[in-house]
Amino acid sequence: MQYCPKCASERIVKNGRHLNRQRFRCKDCGFQFTRDTPRGRPATEKAMAILLYTLGLSLNAIARIYGVATSTVMRWVRNFAEKTYEKPSPREAVIIEPDEMWHYLHSKKTNYGSGKLIVAIPVSSLTGNVAIVTSQVETTTYQ
């Protein structure tokens, strides 16, 4: 039995065809619809694609496995990241080009101690690009 996707009523009737697909109309709310099956991929499939991506499989390989476009897999990963993780504030991370690193490091106020924590994260192993993440190191005095 079909239900109205808007009000979940069972009182639906056939209401013509559109692009060779049967169109229906709800007698209770007047909503017209053609699709009786949900669109898109199941959530379990998207979750598995995200898991494969976090394990190191490329977007292209995942797209070939599921038979979708690479941009689709990238959108799944991006949507998951936006819902799950919060963006770091500009005070927490600074990303600069490697040629700017020398000027950035020489602009620090202290010439002693650790000063700033620097972490280099490989972004792409094929191109040799790295992201440099720096942060102020907090010092605590214990008595």
N, C-alpha and C. Protein backbone atom coordinates (compact mmCIF):
# COMPACT_ATOMS: atom_id res chain seq x y z
N MET A 1 0.84 -1.18 0.00
CA MET A 1 0.00 0.00 0.00
C MET A 1 0.88 1.25 0.00
N GLN A 2 0.52 2.21 -0.81
CA GLN A 2 1.29 3.45 -0.87
C GLN A 2 0.71 4.47 0.11
N TYR A 3 1.61 5.35 0.56
CA TYR A 3 1.23 6.40 1.49
C TYR A 3 1.66 7.74 0.92
N CYS A 4 0.99 8.78 1.33
CA CYS A 4 1.37 10.13 0.94
C CYS A 4 2.67 10.50 1.66
N PRO A 5 3.70 10.96 0.94
CA PRO A 5 4.94 11.31 1.61
C PRO A 5 4.83 12.55 2.49
N LYS A 6 3.77 13.35 2.30
CA LYS A 6 3.62 14.58 3.08
C LYS A 6 2.82 14.35 4.37
N CYS A 7 1.68 13.67 4.26
CA CYS A 7 0.82 13.52 5.44
C CYS A 7 0.65 12.07 5.88
N ALA A 8 1.24 11.13 5.16
CA ALA A 8 1.20 9.69 5.47
C ALA A 8 -0.22 9.11 5.36
N SER A 9 -1.07 9.74 4.60
CA SER A 9 -2.43 9.23 4.41
C SER A 9 -2.42 8.08 3.40
N GLU A 10 -3.38 7.15 3.56
CA GLU A 10 -3.50 6.04 2.62
C GLU A 10 -4.46 6.38 1.49
N ARG A 11 -5.12 7.51 1.57
CA ARG A 11 -6.12 7.89 0.58
C ARG A 11 -5.45 8.60 -0.59
N ILE A 12 -4.84 7.81 -1.50
CA ILE A 12 -4.22 8.38 -2.68
C ILE A 12 -4.87 7.78 -3.92
N VAL A 13 -4.87 8.56 -5.00
CA VAL A 13 -5.46 8.13 -6.26
C VAL A 13 -4.49 8.41 -7.39
N LYS A 14 -4.64 7.67 -8.49
CA LYS A 14 -3.83 7.91 -9.67
C LYS A 14 -4.23 9.26 -10.25
N ASN A 15 -3.22 10.00 -10.76
CA ASN A 15 -3.48 11.35 -11.25
C ASN A 15 -2.66 11.62 -12.51
N GLY A 16 -2.74 10.74 -13.51
CA GLY A 16 -2.04 10.94 -14.77
C GLY A 16 -0.63 10.38 -14.75
N ARG A 17 0.14 10.75 -15.80
CA ARG A 17 1.52 10.28 -15.94
C ARG A 17 2.41 11.47 -16.27
N HIS A 18 3.66 11.35 -15.85
CA HIS A 18 4.67 12.36 -16.16
C HIS A 18 5.98 11.65 -16.44
N LEU A 19 6.54 11.87 -17.65
CA LEU A 19 7.77 11.20 -18.08
C LEU A 19 7.66 9.69 -17.92
N ASN A 20 6.54 9.16 -18.38
CA ASN A 20 6.24 7.73 -18.33
C ASN A 20 6.23 7.16 -16.92
N ARG A 21 5.97 7.97 -15.95
CA ARG A 21 5.85 7.50 -14.57
C ARG A 21 4.48 7.87 -14.05
N GLN A 22 3.89 6.99 -13.28
CA GLN A 22 2.57 7.22 -12.73
C GLN A 22 2.62 8.33 -11.69
N ARG A 23 1.71 9.28 -11.80
CA ARG A 23 1.59 10.37 -10.83
C ARG A 23 0.43 10.06 -9.91
N PHE A 24 0.60 10.39 -8.62
CA PHE A 24 -0.44 10.17 -7.62
C PHE A 24 -0.80 11.49 -6.95
N ARG A 25 -2.02 11.53 -6.38
CA ARG A 25 -2.47 12.70 -5.63
C ARG A 25 -3.13 12.23 -4.36
N CYS A 26 -2.80 12.92 -3.26
CA CYS A 26 -3.39 12.59 -1.97
C CYS A 26 -4.75 13.27 -1.86
N LYS A 27 -5.77 12.51 -1.46
CA LYS A 27 -7.11 13.08 -1.33
C LYS A 27 -7.25 13.94 -0.08
N ASP A 28 -6.40 13.71 0.92
CA ASP A 28 -6.50 14.47 2.16
C ASP A 28 -5.83 15.84 2.06
N CYS A 29 -4.57 15.87 1.58
CA CYS A 29 -3.84 17.14 1.56
C CYS A 29 -3.65 17.70 0.16
N GLY A 30 -3.95 16.94 -0.89
CA GLY A 30 -3.83 17.43 -2.25
C GLY A 30 -2.42 17.38 -2.82
N PHE A 31 -1.49 16.79 -2.10
CA PHE A 31 -0.10 16.71 -2.54
C PHE A 31 0.03 15.74 -3.71
N GLN A 32 0.76 16.18 -4.76
CA GLN A 32 0.98 15.32 -5.91
C GLN A 32 2.42 14.80 -5.87
N PHE A 33 2.59 13.53 -6.21
CA PHE A 33 3.93 12.95 -6.19
C PHE A 33 4.01 11.82 -7.21
N THR A 34 5.24 11.51 -7.63
CA THR A 34 5.45 10.45 -8.60
C THR A 34 6.33 9.34 -8.05
N ARG A 35 7.24 9.66 -7.18
CA ARG A 35 8.21 8.68 -6.71
C ARG A 35 7.63 7.90 -5.53
N ASP A 36 7.72 6.59 -5.64
CA ASP A 36 7.27 5.76 -4.53
C ASP A 36 8.44 5.07 -3.83
N THR A 37 9.64 5.21 -4.38
CA THR A 37 10.83 4.65 -3.73
C THR A 37 11.76 5.80 -3.37
N PRO A 38 12.50 5.69 -2.27
CA PRO A 38 13.38 6.80 -1.87
C PRO A 38 14.54 6.97 -2.83
N ARG A 39 14.99 8.21 -2.97
CA ARG A 39 16.14 8.52 -3.83
C ARG A 39 17.43 8.38 -3.05
N GLY A 40 18.53 8.30 -3.79
CA GLY A 40 19.84 8.31 -3.17
C GLY A 40 20.29 6.94 -2.70
N ARG A 41 21.46 6.93 -2.12
CA ARG A 41 22.05 5.70 -1.61
C ARG A 41 21.70 5.52 -0.15
N PRO A 42 21.67 4.28 0.33
CA PRO A 42 21.37 4.04 1.74
C PRO A 42 22.45 4.63 2.64
N ALA A 43 22.07 4.97 3.85
CA ALA A 43 23.01 5.57 4.81
C ALA A 43 24.15 4.61 5.14
N THR A 44 23.87 3.31 5.13
CA THR A 44 24.92 2.34 5.44
C THR A 44 26.01 2.35 4.36
N GLU A 45 25.59 2.54 3.12
CA GLU A 45 26.55 2.59 2.01
C GLU A 45 27.42 3.84 2.12
N LYS A 46 26.80 4.97 2.47
CA LYS A 46 27.57 6.21 2.64
C LYS A 46 28.55 6.09 3.80
N ALA A 47 28.10 5.47 4.90
CA ALA A 47 28.98 5.30 6.06
C ALA A 47 30.16 4.40 5.71
N MET A 48 29.94 3.36 4.93
CA MET A 48 31.03 2.49 4.53
C MET A 48 32.01 3.22 3.62
N ALA A 49 31.51 4.08 2.74
CA ALA A 49 32.38 4.87 1.87
C ALA A 49 33.25 5.82 2.70
N ILE A 50 32.67 6.42 3.73
CA ILE A 50 33.42 7.33 4.60
C ILE A 50 34.47 6.55 5.37
N LEU A 51 34.12 5.37 5.83
CA LEU A 51 35.08 4.52 6.54
C LEU A 51 36.24 4.14 5.64
N LEU A 52 35.94 3.75 4.40
CA LEU A 52 37.00 3.41 3.45
C LEU A 52 37.91 4.61 3.19
N TYR A 53 37.32 5.80 3.13
CA TYR A 53 38.12 7.01 2.90
C TYR A 53 39.04 7.28 4.09
N THR A 54 38.54 7.10 5.30
CA THR A 54 39.38 7.34 6.48
C THR A 54 40.47 6.29 6.62
N LEU A 55 40.26 5.11 6.03
CA LEU A 55 41.29 4.08 6.06
C LEU A 55 42.33 4.26 4.96
N GLY A 56 42.15 5.27 4.11
CA GLY A 56 43.18 5.61 3.13
C GLY A 56 42.85 5.31 1.68
N LEU A 57 41.68 4.78 1.39
CA LEU A 57 41.30 4.51 0.01
C LEU A 57 40.98 5.83 -0.68
N SER A 58 41.35 5.97 -1.93
CA SER A 58 41.15 7.24 -2.64
C SER A 58 39.67 7.42 -2.98
N LEU A 59 39.30 8.69 -3.23
CA LEU A 59 37.93 9.00 -3.62
C LEU A 59 37.57 8.32 -4.93
N ASN A 60 38.53 8.28 -5.87
CA ASN A 60 38.27 7.63 -7.16
C ASN A 60 38.01 6.14 -6.99
N ALA A 61 38.77 5.48 -6.15
CA ALA A 61 38.57 4.04 -5.94
C ALA A 61 37.22 3.77 -5.29
N ILE A 62 36.84 4.58 -4.33
CA ILE A 62 35.54 4.41 -3.67
C ILE A 62 34.41 4.64 -4.66
N ALA A 63 34.57 5.66 -5.51
CA ALA A 63 33.55 5.94 -6.52
C ALA A 63 33.39 4.78 -7.49
N ARG A 64 34.49 4.14 -7.87
CA ARG A 64 34.42 2.98 -8.76
C ARG A 64 33.72 1.81 -8.08
N ILE A 65 33.99 1.61 -6.79
CA ILE A 65 33.37 0.50 -6.05
C ILE A 65 31.85 0.65 -6.03
N TYR A 66 31.38 1.87 -5.76
CA TYR A 66 29.93 2.09 -5.61
C TYR A 66 29.25 2.52 -6.90
N GLY A 67 30.01 2.77 -7.95
CA GLY A 67 29.42 3.15 -9.23
C GLY A 67 28.82 4.53 -9.23
N VAL A 68 29.44 5.46 -8.52
CA VAL A 68 28.97 6.85 -8.47
C VAL A 68 30.12 7.76 -8.90
N ALA A 69 29.84 9.04 -9.04
CA ALA A 69 30.86 10.01 -9.39
C ALA A 69 31.77 10.29 -8.19
N THR A 70 33.00 10.68 -8.48
CA THR A 70 33.96 11.01 -7.42
C THR A 70 33.46 12.19 -6.59
N SER A 71 32.82 13.15 -7.26
CA SER A 71 32.30 14.32 -6.54
C SER A 71 31.21 13.91 -5.55
N THR A 72 30.48 12.85 -5.84
CA THR A 72 29.45 12.36 -4.92
C THR A 72 30.07 11.85 -3.64
N VAL A 73 31.14 11.05 -3.77
CA VAL A 73 31.82 10.53 -2.59
C VAL A 73 32.43 11.68 -1.79
N MET A 74 33.00 12.66 -2.50
CA MET A 74 33.58 13.82 -1.82
C MET A 74 32.50 14.58 -1.04
N ARG A 75 31.31 14.70 -1.61
CA ARG A 75 30.20 15.37 -0.92
C ARG A 75 29.77 14.60 0.32
N TRP A 76 29.74 13.25 0.24
CA TRP A 76 29.41 12.43 1.41
C TRP A 76 30.41 12.68 2.53
N VAL A 77 31.69 12.68 2.18
CA VAL A 77 32.74 12.88 3.19
C VAL A 77 32.65 14.29 3.77
N ARG A 78 32.46 15.28 2.92
CA ARG A 78 32.37 16.67 3.39
C ARG A 78 31.17 16.88 4.30
N ASN A 79 30.02 16.34 3.93
CA ASN A 79 28.81 16.47 4.76
C ASN A 79 29.02 15.79 6.11
N PHE A 80 29.65 14.62 6.11
CA PHE A 80 29.93 13.93 7.37
C PHE A 80 30.86 14.77 8.25
N ALA A 81 31.90 15.32 7.66
CA ALA A 81 32.86 16.12 8.42
C ALA A 81 32.20 17.37 8.98
N GLU A 82 31.35 18.02 8.21
CA GLU A 82 30.68 19.24 8.69
C GLU A 82 29.72 18.94 9.84
N LYS A 83 29.07 17.79 9.81
CA LYS A 83 28.14 17.42 10.88
C LYS A 83 28.86 16.93 12.13
N THR A 84 30.02 16.30 11.95
CA THR A 84 30.70 15.64 13.06
C THR A 84 31.73 16.52 13.75
N TYR A 85 32.52 17.25 12.97
CA TYR A 85 33.63 18.00 13.53
C TYR A 85 33.37 19.50 13.41
N GLU A 86 33.87 20.23 14.39
CA GLU A 86 33.75 21.68 14.31
C GLU A 86 35.01 22.25 13.67
N LYS A 87 34.84 23.36 12.97
CA LYS A 87 35.97 24.00 12.31
C LYS A 87 36.88 24.62 13.35
N PRO A 88 38.20 24.49 13.18
CA PRO A 88 39.09 25.14 14.14
C PRO A 88 39.04 26.65 13.95
N SER A 89 39.13 27.37 15.05
CA SER A 89 39.10 28.82 14.95
C SER A 89 40.44 29.30 14.39
N PRO A 90 40.47 30.49 13.81
CA PRO A 90 41.73 31.00 13.25
C PRO A 90 42.84 31.13 14.29
N ARG A 91 42.50 31.23 15.57
CA ARG A 91 43.51 31.35 16.61
C ARG A 91 44.18 30.00 16.91
N GLU A 92 43.50 28.91 16.59
CA GLU A 92 44.04 27.59 16.90
C GLU A 92 45.03 27.10 15.85
N ALA A 93 44.80 27.42 14.58
CA ALA A 93 45.67 26.88 13.53
C ALA A 93 45.96 27.96 12.50
N VAL A 94 47.19 27.96 12.00
CA VAL A 94 47.60 28.86 10.95
C VAL A 94 48.24 28.01 9.86
N ILE A 95 47.74 28.13 8.64
CA ILE A 95 48.32 27.38 7.54
C ILE A 95 48.99 28.39 6.61
N ILE A 96 50.29 28.18 6.37
CA ILE A 96 51.04 29.08 5.51
C ILE A 96 51.85 28.28 4.51
N GLU A 97 52.32 28.94 3.48
CA GLU A 97 53.15 28.30 2.46
C GLU A 97 54.54 28.06 3.02
N PRO A 98 55.22 27.00 2.57
CA PRO A 98 56.56 26.71 3.08
C PRO A 98 57.56 27.84 2.87
N ASP A 99 57.44 28.60 1.77
CA ASP A 99 58.38 29.69 1.55
C ASP A 99 58.14 30.86 2.52
N GLU A 100 56.96 30.90 3.12
CA GLU A 100 56.67 31.94 4.11
C GLU A 100 57.10 31.51 5.51
N MET A 101 57.46 30.24 5.69
CA MET A 101 57.80 29.70 7.01
C MET A 101 58.98 30.43 7.63
N TRP A 102 60.01 30.71 6.85
CA TRP A 102 61.20 31.37 7.39
C TRP A 102 60.84 32.73 7.98
N HIS A 103 60.06 33.52 7.24
CA HIS A 103 59.66 34.85 7.74
C HIS A 103 58.75 34.73 8.95
N TYR A 104 57.88 33.73 8.95
CA TYR A 104 56.95 33.55 10.06
C TYR A 104 57.70 33.16 11.34
N LEU A 105 58.67 32.26 11.23
CA LEU A 105 59.40 31.83 12.41
C LEU A 105 60.31 32.93 12.96
N HIS A 106 60.85 33.76 12.09
CA HIS A 106 61.72 34.84 12.55
C HIS A 106 60.93 36.01 13.13
N SER A 107 59.62 35.99 12.98
CA SER A 107 58.82 37.08 13.53
C SER A 107 58.39 36.80 14.97
N LYS A 108 58.73 35.63 15.51
CA LYS A 108 58.32 35.34 16.89
C LYS A 108 59.10 36.21 17.87
N LYS A 109 58.49 36.46 18.99
CA LYS A 109 59.02 37.43 19.94
C LYS A 109 60.17 36.89 20.79
N THR A 110 60.24 35.59 20.99
CA THR A 110 61.27 35.03 21.85
C THR A 110 62.31 34.28 21.03
N ASN A 111 63.55 34.35 21.46
CA ASN A 111 64.62 33.61 20.80
C ASN A 111 65.06 32.42 21.63
N TYR A 112 64.29 32.06 22.63
CA TYR A 112 64.65 30.96 23.51
C TYR A 112 63.41 30.12 23.79
N GLY A 113 63.62 28.92 24.31
CA GLY A 113 62.49 28.04 24.66
C GLY A 113 61.83 27.50 23.40
N SER A 114 60.72 26.80 23.61
CA SER A 114 60.05 26.19 22.47
C SER A 114 59.31 27.23 21.64
N GLY A 115 58.82 28.29 22.27
CA GLY A 115 58.15 29.35 21.52
C GLY A 115 56.87 28.90 20.87
N LYS A 116 56.96 28.25 19.72
CA LYS A 116 55.77 27.82 19.00
C LYS A 116 55.91 26.36 18.62
N LEU A 117 54.80 25.66 18.71
CA LEU A 117 54.76 24.27 18.30
C LEU A 117 54.45 24.22 16.82
N ILE A 118 55.23 23.47 16.05
CA ILE A 118 55.03 23.37 14.61
C ILE A 118 54.83 21.90 14.25
N VAL A 119 53.78 21.63 13.50
CA VAL A 119 53.49 20.27 13.05
C VAL A 119 53.33 20.32 11.54
N ALA A 120 54.05 19.47 10.82
CA ALA A 120 53.92 19.37 9.36
C ALA A 120 53.12 18.12 9.04
N ILE A 121 52.02 18.29 8.34
CA ILE A 121 51.14 17.18 7.99
C ILE A 121 51.19 16.99 6.48
N PRO A 122 51.54 15.79 5.99
CA PRO A 122 51.55 15.59 4.53
C PRO A 122 50.14 15.65 3.98
N VAL A 123 49.92 16.53 3.01
CA VAL A 123 48.61 16.69 2.40
C VAL A 123 48.48 15.75 1.22
N SER A 124 49.48 15.70 0.37
CA SER A 124 49.45 14.82 -0.79
C SER A 124 50.82 14.22 -0.97
N SER A 125 50.89 12.90 -0.96
CA SER A 125 52.18 12.25 -1.09
C SER A 125 52.70 12.32 -2.52
N LEU A 126 51.80 12.50 -3.49
CA LEU A 126 52.23 12.55 -4.88
C LEU A 126 52.89 13.88 -5.24
N THR A 127 52.36 14.97 -4.70
CA THR A 127 52.90 16.28 -5.05
C THR A 127 53.92 16.77 -4.05
N GLY A 128 54.00 16.15 -2.89
CA GLY A 128 54.94 16.58 -1.87
C GLY A 128 54.46 17.77 -1.08
N ASN A 129 53.20 18.15 -1.19
CA ASN A 129 52.67 19.28 -0.44
C ASN A 129 52.49 18.90 1.02
N VAL A 130 52.75 19.86 1.90
CA VAL A 130 52.53 19.66 3.32
C VAL A 130 51.77 20.84 3.87
N ALA A 131 51.01 20.60 4.93
CA ALA A 131 50.33 21.67 5.66
C ALA A 131 51.11 21.87 6.94
N ILE A 132 51.43 23.10 7.26
CA ILE A 132 52.16 23.43 8.48
C ILE A 132 51.15 23.99 9.47
N VAL A 133 51.05 23.36 10.62
CA VAL A 133 50.12 23.80 11.66
C VAL A 133 50.95 24.28 12.83
N THR A 134 50.71 25.51 13.26
CA THR A 134 51.46 26.06 14.39
C THR A 134 50.48 26.46 15.48
N SER A 135 50.97 26.46 16.70
CA SER A 135 50.15 26.83 17.83
C SER A 135 51.05 27.36 18.93
N GLN A 136 50.55 28.29 19.70
CA GLN A 136 51.30 28.80 20.84
C GLN A 136 51.35 27.71 21.91
N VAL A 137 52.52 27.50 22.51
CA VAL A 137 52.67 26.52 23.57
C VAL A 137 52.40 27.23 24.89
N GLU A 138 51.47 26.69 25.65
CA GLU A 138 51.17 27.29 26.94
C GLU A 138 52.11 26.71 27.99
N THR A 139 52.66 27.58 28.81
CA THR A 139 53.56 27.13 29.87
C THR A 139 52.84 27.30 31.20
N THR A 140 53.04 26.34 32.08
CA THR A 140 52.41 26.36 33.39
C THR A 140 53.51 26.28 34.44
N THR A 141 53.41 27.10 35.46
CA THR A 141 54.38 27.09 36.54
C THR A 141 53.81 26.28 37.68
N TYR A 142 54.57 25.29 38.12
CA TYR A 142 54.16 24.44 39.25
C TYR A 142 54.96 24.84 40.50
N GLN A 143 54.31 24.92 41.62
CA GLN A 143 55.00 25.27 42.87
C GLN A 143 55.01 24.12 43.82
